[in-house]
Amino acid sequence: MHSGLTRVVWELNPVTKTSGGTRFFTGSHKSAYVRPAELNTPDSGAFDTYECPAGSAIIFTEALCHSAHPWMDTVDRLALFTCYDTGRHHPF
């Protein structure tokens, strides 16, 4: 199976908005301009975060500007990152 630049983060433990982890710059995949330098840091207010219960899947495109942020929760993060790429299909 392939689906272009589709990425999925499977969060295996609960995530709160203050936990840290993956952040997204909403709408950036449609941008046809260069971002100002102050928006290029994970601490920029332009980045969105999320919260979800354990077992949730966050689906996004690799073309979306996203960033890692230090994990701040008291419980270690456990997540699976999957990529459904456009690589050549090789029959078995």
Protein backbone atom coordinates (compact mmCIF):
# COMPACT_ATOMS: atom_id res chain seq x y z
CA MET A 1 0.00 0.00 0.00
CA HIS A 2 1.18 3.51 -0.66
CA SER A 3 -0.49 6.86 -0.21
CA GLY A 4 1.91 9.57 -1.29
CA LEU A 5 3.26 11.51 1.64
CA THR A 6 0.79 10.24 4.25
CA ARG A 7 2.13 10.03 7.80
CA VAL A 8 0.40 8.56 10.84
CA VAL A 9 1.39 9.01 14.48
CA TRP A 10 -0.14 6.29 16.63
CA GLU A 11 -0.18 7.65 20.18
CA LEU A 12 -0.03 4.65 22.51
CA ASN A 13 -0.38 6.67 25.68
CA PRO A 14 -2.50 9.76 26.44
CA VAL A 15 -1.29 13.11 25.11
CA THR A 16 -2.22 16.49 26.58
CA LYS A 17 -1.69 19.89 24.96
CA THR A 18 1.17 20.53 27.41
CA SER A 19 2.88 17.14 26.87
CA GLY A 20 5.02 18.27 23.95
CA GLY A 21 5.72 15.92 21.06
CA THR A 22 4.59 16.57 17.50
CA ARG A 23 3.43 20.05 16.48
CA PHE A 24 1.89 21.21 13.21
CA PHE A 25 1.88 24.48 11.28
CA THR A 26 -1.73 24.33 10.11
CA GLY A 27 -2.24 25.30 6.47
CA SER A 28 1.48 25.30 5.64
CA HIS A 29 1.05 22.62 2.95
CA LYS A 30 -0.80 25.19 0.85
CA SER A 31 1.76 27.95 1.27
CA ALA A 32 3.36 29.39 -1.82
CA TYR A 33 5.58 31.79 0.10
CA VAL A 34 8.65 31.57 2.28
CA ARG A 35 7.86 31.58 6.01
CA PRO A 36 9.37 34.38 8.08
CA ALA A 37 12.34 33.11 10.14
CA GLU A 38 10.52 33.70 13.45
CA LEU A 39 8.00 31.03 12.44
CA ASN A 40 10.69 28.39 11.88
CA THR A 41 11.13 27.42 15.54
CA PRO A 42 8.96 24.85 17.37
CA ASP A 43 8.22 27.45 20.07
CA SER A 44 6.55 29.75 17.54
CA GLY A 45 2.89 30.46 18.28
CA ALA A 46 2.11 29.42 14.70
CA PHE A 47 2.46 25.74 15.59
CA ASP A 48 -0.59 23.81 16.80
CA THR A 49 -0.57 20.82 19.09
CA TYR A 50 -3.20 18.28 20.05
CA GLU A 51 -4.44 16.10 22.85
CA CYS A 52 -5.87 12.62 22.58
CA PRO A 53 -6.50 9.43 24.51
CA ALA A 54 -4.20 6.43 24.24
CA GLY A 55 -4.68 4.51 21.00
CA SER A 56 -5.41 7.57 18.86
CA ALA A 57 -4.04 8.06 15.34
CA ILE A 58 -3.02 11.48 14.00
CA ILE A 59 -2.98 11.47 10.17
CA PHE A 60 -1.21 14.21 8.22
CA THR A 61 0.74 14.86 5.04
CA GLU A 62 4.53 15.08 5.05
CA ALA A 63 4.08 18.31 3.05
CA LEU A 64 2.63 19.95 6.18
CA CYS A 65 5.27 21.78 8.21
CA HIS A 66 5.62 19.78 11.43
CA SER A 67 8.13 19.73 14.24
CA ALA A 68 9.19 17.74 17.25
CA HIS A 69 9.04 19.43 20.62
CA PRO A 70 10.60 18.13 23.85
CA TRP A 71 8.33 15.70 25.69
CA MET A 72 7.27 17.39 28.93
CA ASP A 73 4.93 14.81 30.48
CA THR A 74 5.90 12.78 33.56
CA VAL A 75 5.13 9.53 31.70
CA ASP A 76 7.45 8.58 28.82
CA ARG A 77 5.97 8.99 25.36
CA LEU A 78 5.17 5.82 23.47
CA ALA A 79 4.21 6.43 19.84
CA LEU A 80 4.58 4.74 16.46
CA PHE A 81 5.37 6.85 13.40
CA THR A 82 4.41 5.28 10.09
CA CYS A 83 5.02 6.41 6.53
CA TYR A 84 3.00 5.31 3.51
CA ASP A 85 5.43 6.36 0.81
CA THR A 86 5.35 6.41 -2.97
CA GLY A 87 8.18 3.87 -3.36
CA ARG A 88 8.05 1.32 -6.15
CA HIS A 89 5.85 -1.68 -5.61
CA HIS A 90 7.83 -4.91 -5.61
CA PRO A 91 5.70 -8.04 -6.03
CA PHE A 92 6.66 -10.98 -3.83
